[in-house]
Amino acid sequence: MCILFLHNGSKDLDSDYRLVLVSNRDELYDRPSKDMAPWNEDPGVIGGRDLEAGCDGGTWLALSPLRHKIGVLLNLPNITRPNAKTRGRLVADFVKSDAPTDEYVDSMKGYASECNHFVFIAIELACPTIKTYCNATDKLSSWEEASLGFSNSYPETPLKKADAGKMKLKDICTRLNKVSDKEQLTHELIEFLKSKERHLPDPQLKANKPDGVYEKFSSIYVSLPELRYGTRTHTVILVTKSGCVDVVEITLQPPIDLDNPKWKRTEMQFTL
């Protein structure tokens, strides 16, 4: 499970921000990965890397300030293909490409058809434009709403925590919409990503998770110590209308000991 929230402030004349992105990566605690950093093969790309064997340097979230792009991947549950191709490559290839979203999606559909099901979120920062592609439905959708929430479900049928979270994000981004509020904005966004409030009942979530477990997936912050699984990374990206980009990543450091967790905070700034 992972979750992504977006607030598009481009049409809000009072806001200094064109885009606010916040995301949690939920994963097995023992799955190897690399923290957010510039990539060796393309230093113009910043993102984490999945180091699991066979993942081909893929990622769940990456940013290219040079190409004005952000890519995010959310897995869909319950469909497992034998010998499926790695999904994380789709984000990596998008942010390393100069192709616009529609062209890129057309070019990768053959590969995507051999992957387990996913939702790919493509963000072009110039306007910005936000689009999703789901290989389960072969559907590319554009999203115009100011506040959006996506998790491990079809974009058109969000989980309850995604619906509730986008309203909370809207409140935060409406109150703290000036660059002078950046410190408080970042603090509230990180606290938002740490929310353990459960959003129940959620029949859609229950249908995809075993009884007695699904409730623990109904919060924005996920923790299942018995399965060595949960939220490992918080990401906040702020993009101002003047083109300044602030990136904050807070991630659990391996080996992950839940009795003594060590979180590393990384901050970066860029100009589009």
Protein backbone atom coordinates (compact mmCIF):
# COMPACT_ATOMS: atom_id res chain seq x y z
CA MET A 1 0.00 0.00 0.00
CA CYS A 2 1.10 3.53 -0.77
CA ILE A 3 -0.74 6.82 -0.92
CA LEU A 4 -0.38 10.09 -2.82
CA PHE A 5 -2.05 13.47 -2.38
CA LEU A 6 -1.78 16.46 -4.70
CA HIS A 7 -2.96 20.06 -4.41
CA ASN A 8 -2.95 22.13 -7.60
CA GLY A 9 -2.84 25.79 -6.65
CA SER A 10 -2.28 27.14 -10.14
CA LYS A 11 -5.80 28.61 -10.35
CA ASP A 12 -5.79 29.99 -6.81
CA LEU A 13 -4.75 33.62 -7.11
CA ASP A 14 -4.03 33.80 -3.37
CA SER A 15 -1.61 30.87 -3.37
CA ASP A 16 2.14 31.10 -3.95
CA TYR A 17 2.22 27.40 -4.89
CA ARG A 18 1.42 25.79 -8.21
CA LEU A 19 1.71 22.27 -6.76
CA VAL A 20 1.97 20.56 -3.40
CA LEU A 21 2.67 16.81 -3.39
CA VAL A 22 2.74 14.55 -0.34
CA SER A 23 3.23 10.80 -0.38
CA ASN A 24 3.81 7.78 1.82
CA ARG A 25 5.66 4.72 0.61
CA ASP A 26 4.47 1.55 2.35
CA GLU A 27 6.66 -1.50 1.90
CA LEU A 28 8.17 -4.54 3.57
CA TYR A 29 10.69 -3.30 6.10
CA ASP A 30 13.37 -5.66 4.84
CA ARG A 31 13.06 -4.90 1.13
CA PRO A 32 16.30 -3.16 0.09
CA SER A 33 16.06 0.36 -1.31
CA LYS A 34 18.11 3.52 -1.72
CA ASP A 35 17.10 6.89 -0.28
CA MET A 36 16.23 9.84 -2.51
CA ALA A 37 19.31 11.21 -4.30
CA PRO A 38 20.44 12.28 -7.79
CA TRP A 39 20.81 9.27 -10.07
CA ASN A 40 24.24 8.29 -11.35
CA GLU A 41 23.06 7.72 -14.92
CA ASP A 42 21.09 10.99 -14.98
CA PRO A 43 21.94 13.52 -12.22
CA GLY A 44 19.00 15.62 -13.41
CA VAL A 45 16.68 13.03 -11.83
CA ILE A 46 16.11 12.78 -8.07
CA GLY A 47 14.43 9.80 -6.48
CA GLY A 48 14.74 6.66 -4.42
CA ARG A 49 15.64 3.33 -6.00
CA ASP A 50 14.22 -0.14 -5.46
CA LEU A 51 17.20 -2.45 -4.95
CA GLU A 52 15.21 -5.70 -4.90
CA ALA A 53 16.63 -8.25 -7.33
CA GLY A 54 14.99 -7.96 -10.74
CA CYS A 55 13.65 -4.45 -10.23
CA ASP A 56 16.07 -2.93 -12.73
CA GLY A 57 16.73 0.28 -10.83
CA GLY A 58 13.05 1.19 -10.73
CA THR A 59 11.40 3.59 -8.32
CA TRP A 60 8.08 4.46 -6.71
CA LEU A 61 8.56 8.25 -7.03
CA ALA A 62 11.02 10.45 -8.89
CA LEU A 63 11.38 14.08 -9.93
CA SER A 64 13.15 15.75 -12.82
CA PRO A 65 13.43 19.53 -12.28
CA LEU A 66 15.19 19.77 -15.65
CA ARG A 67 12.28 18.18 -17.53
CA HIS A 68 9.60 19.60 -15.19
CA LYS A 69 8.25 16.12 -14.41
CA ILE A 70 7.23 13.98 -11.45
CA GLY A 71 6.29 10.32 -11.75
CA VAL A 72 4.65 8.15 -9.08
CA LEU A 73 3.63 4.49 -9.10
CA LEU A 74 0.86 2.89 -7.02
CA ASN A 75 0.34 -0.86 -7.13
CA LEU A 76 -3.09 -2.44 -7.45
CA PRO A 77 -3.79 -5.55 -5.33
CA ASN A 78 -4.70 -9.15 -6.07
CA ILE A 79 -3.41 -9.53 -9.62
CA THR A 80 -0.13 -11.41 -9.91
CA ARG A 81 1.18 -12.47 -13.29
CA PRO A 82 3.89 -15.14 -13.58
CA ASN A 83 7.14 -13.57 -14.79
CA ALA A 84 5.63 -10.09 -14.65
CA LYS A 85 7.90 -7.23 -15.64
CA THR A 86 8.97 -4.68 -13.05
CA ARG A 87 6.60 -1.73 -12.66
CA GLY A 88 9.10 0.69 -11.12
CA ARG A 89 10.86 1.07 -14.45
CA LEU A 90 7.85 3.01 -15.76
CA VAL A 91 8.49 5.95 -13.41
CA ALA A 92 12.23 5.89 -14.07
CA ASP A 93 11.77 5.94 -17.84
CA PHE A 94 9.18 8.73 -17.66
CA VAL A 95 11.32 11.20 -15.72
CA LYS A 96 14.37 10.44 -17.88
CA SER A 97 12.36 11.04 -21.07
CA ASP A 98 11.59 14.32 -22.81
CA ALA A 99 8.31 12.89 -24.14
CA PRO A 100 5.05 14.43 -22.89
CA THR A 101 2.74 12.20 -20.87
CA ASP A 102 0.39 11.08 -23.66
CA GLU A 103 3.26 10.15 -25.95
CA TYR A 104 5.12 8.37 -23.18
CA VAL A 105 2.06 6.34 -22.14
CA ASP A 106 1.45 5.26 -25.73
CA SER A 107 5.07 4.13 -26.03
CA MET A 108 5.03 2.04 -22.84
CA LYS A 109 1.67 0.27 -23.18
CA GLY A 110 3.21 -2.89 -24.60
CA TYR A 111 5.57 -3.16 -21.65
CA ALA A 112 2.83 -2.20 -19.18
CA SER A 113 0.60 -5.02 -20.42
CA GLU A 114 3.19 -7.48 -19.10
CA CYS A 115 3.28 -5.93 -15.61
CA ASN A 116 1.12 -6.61 -12.60
CA HIS A 117 -1.64 -4.04 -12.27
CA PHE A 118 -0.75 -0.47 -11.31
CA VAL A 119 -1.75 3.17 -11.41
CA PHE A 120 0.90 5.49 -12.87
CA ILE A 121 0.61 9.19 -11.99
CA ALA A 122 2.34 11.57 -14.38
CA ILE A 123 2.76 15.22 -13.41
CA GLU A 124 4.05 17.90 -15.76
CA LEU A 125 4.91 20.96 -13.71
CA ALA A 126 4.61 23.74 -16.27
CA CYS A 127 0.81 24.18 -15.87
CA PRO A 128 0.73 21.77 -13.99
CA THR A 129 -1.09 18.84 -15.58
CA ILE A 130 -1.92 15.67 -13.65
CA LYS A 131 -2.77 12.44 -15.45
CA THR A 132 -3.18 8.82 -14.41
CA TYR A 133 -2.75 5.66 -16.45
CA CYS A 134 -4.07 2.32 -15.23
CA ASN A 135 -2.90 -0.78 -17.12
CA ALA A 136 -5.81 -2.83 -15.71
CA THR A 137 -8.27 -0.69 -17.68
CA ASP A 138 -5.88 0.78 -20.28
CA LYS A 139 -7.30 4.16 -19.33
CA LEU A 140 -5.47 7.50 -19.37
CA SER A 141 -7.31 10.18 -17.37
CA SER A 142 -6.75 13.88 -16.75
CA TRP A 143 -7.55 15.45 -13.38
CA GLU A 144 -8.58 19.08 -12.98
CA GLU A 145 -9.67 19.13 -9.31
CA ALA A 146 -7.61 21.30 -6.99
CA SER A 147 -7.14 18.49 -4.43
CA LEU A 148 -6.62 14.84 -5.31
CA GLY A 149 -5.99 11.61 -3.43
CA PHE A 150 -4.83 8.30 -4.92
CA SER A 151 -4.02 5.00 -3.25
CA ASN A 152 -4.13 1.31 -4.15
CA SER A 153 -7.42 1.39 -6.07
CA TYR A 154 -8.67 2.58 -9.43
CA PRO A 155 -8.34 6.39 -9.53
CA GLU A 156 -12.08 6.79 -10.12
CA THR A 157 -12.96 4.77 -6.99
CA PRO A 158 -10.63 6.01 -4.24
CA LEU A 159 -10.27 4.33 -0.87
CA LYS A 160 -11.93 6.18 2.00
CA LYS A 161 -8.59 7.29 3.43
CA ALA A 162 -7.68 8.87 0.08
CA ASP A 163 -11.01 10.72 -0.07
CA ALA A 164 -10.73 11.95 3.52
CA GLY A 165 -7.08 12.87 3.12
CA LYS A 166 -7.59 15.08 0.10
CA MET A 167 -10.02 17.22 2.09
CA LYS A 168 -7.50 17.54 4.91
CA LEU A 169 -4.80 18.48 2.40
CA LYS A 170 -7.07 21.13 0.89
CA ASP A 171 -7.53 22.68 4.34
CA ILE A 172 -3.78 22.76 5.01
CA CYS A 173 -2.88 24.19 1.60
CA THR A 174 -5.62 26.83 1.76
CA ARG A 175 -4.53 28.09 5.18
CA LEU A 176 -0.77 27.97 4.53
CA ASN A 177 -0.49 29.10 0.93
CA LYS A 178 2.32 31.66 1.21
CA VAL A 179 6.04 31.03 0.91
CA SER A 180 6.42 32.80 4.25
CA ASP A 181 4.41 29.90 5.76
CA LYS A 182 6.69 27.22 4.26
CA GLU A 183 8.08 25.94 7.54
CA GLN A 184 4.63 25.52 9.10
CA LEU A 185 3.23 24.11 5.85
CA THR A 186 5.95 21.47 5.69
CA HIS A 187 5.45 20.58 9.36
CA GLU A 188 1.69 20.12 8.98
CA LEU A 189 2.09 18.09 5.80
CA ILE A 190 4.49 15.70 7.51
CA GLU A 191 2.17 15.34 10.50
CA PHE A 192 -0.65 14.67 8.02
CA LEU A 193 1.37 11.81 6.54
CA LYS A 194 1.83 10.36 10.02
CA SER A 195 -1.92 10.16 10.67
CA LYS A 196 -3.05 6.86 12.19
CA GLU A 197 -6.74 7.75 12.08
CA ARG A 198 -8.67 4.83 10.59
CA HIS A 199 -11.22 5.50 7.86
CA LEU A 200 -13.76 2.73 8.28
CA PRO A 201 -15.84 1.02 7.14
CA ASP A 202 -14.31 0.67 3.68
CA PRO A 203 -15.84 -2.27 1.76
CA GLN A 204 -13.44 -1.83 -1.15
CA LEU A 205 -10.40 -2.09 1.10
CA LYS A 206 -11.91 -5.03 2.99
CA ALA A 207 -12.42 -6.93 -0.26
CA ASN A 208 -8.71 -6.70 -0.99
CA LYS A 209 -7.29 -7.51 2.46
CA PRO A 210 -7.73 -10.46 4.86
CA ASP A 211 -10.16 -10.16 7.77
CA GLY A 212 -8.48 -8.88 10.89
CA VAL A 213 -5.81 -7.06 8.88
CA TYR A 214 -7.59 -4.69 6.54
CA GLU A 215 -8.42 -2.23 9.33
CA LYS A 216 -4.70 -1.55 9.76
CA PHE A 217 -4.50 -0.46 6.13
CA SER A 218 -7.29 2.10 6.53
CA SER A 219 -5.06 4.89 7.89
CA ILE A 220 -2.73 7.14 5.94
CA TYR A 221 0.19 5.91 8.05
CA VAL A 222 0.36 2.11 7.94
CA SER A 223 2.05 -0.08 10.55
CA LEU A 224 1.91 -3.88 10.68
CA PRO A 225 4.89 -4.94 12.82
CA GLU A 226 3.75 -8.57 12.76
CA LEU A 227 4.22 -8.59 8.98
CA ARG A 228 7.38 -6.41 9.00
CA TYR A 229 5.46 -4.01 6.77
CA GLY A 230 4.41 -0.39 6.93
CA THR A 231 5.12 3.22 6.02
CA ARG A 232 8.83 3.62 5.36
CA THR A 233 9.08 6.98 3.60
CA HIS A 234 7.33 10.36 3.75
CA THR A 235 7.84 12.69 0.77
CA VAL A 236 6.84 16.36 0.48
CA ILE A 237 7.39 18.38 -2.71
CA LEU A 238 6.50 22.08 -2.88
CA VAL A 239 6.58 23.91 -6.22
CA THR A 240 6.02 27.65 -6.23
CA LYS A 241 4.54 29.63 -9.08
CA SER A 242 7.94 31.29 -9.51
CA GLY A 243 9.55 27.86 -10.11
CA CYS A 244 11.24 27.15 -6.78
CA VAL A 245 11.09 23.49 -5.72
CA ASP A 246 11.56 22.21 -2.17
CA VAL A 247 11.84 18.47 -1.58
CA VAL A 248 11.74 16.82 1.85
CA GLU A 249 12.12 13.07 2.33
CA ILE A 250 11.96 11.37 5.73
CA THR A 251 12.75 7.67 5.57
CA LEU A 252 13.36 4.76 7.94
CA GLN A 253 16.96 3.61 7.92
CA PRO A 254 17.88 -0.08 7.72
CA PRO A 255 18.10 -2.37 9.50
CA ILE A 256 14.63 -1.28 10.66
CA ASP A 257 14.11 -1.81 14.37
CA LEU A 258 10.61 -0.70 15.35
CA ASP A 259 11.62 -0.53 19.02
CA ASN A 260 14.29 2.01 18.09
CA PRO A 261 13.39 3.45 14.67
CA LYS A 262 15.89 5.77 12.99
CA TRP A 263 14.43 8.29 10.54
CA LYS A 264 16.67 10.23 8.16
CA ARG A 265 15.54 13.61 6.83
CA THR A 266 16.85 14.82 3.47
CA GLU A 267 16.09 18.27 2.03
CA MET A 268 16.83 19.60 -1.45
CA GLN A 269 16.04 22.78 -3.34
CA PHE A 270 15.87 23.33 -7.09
CA THR A 271 14.74 25.91 -9.63
CA LEU A 272 12.68 24.90 -12.64
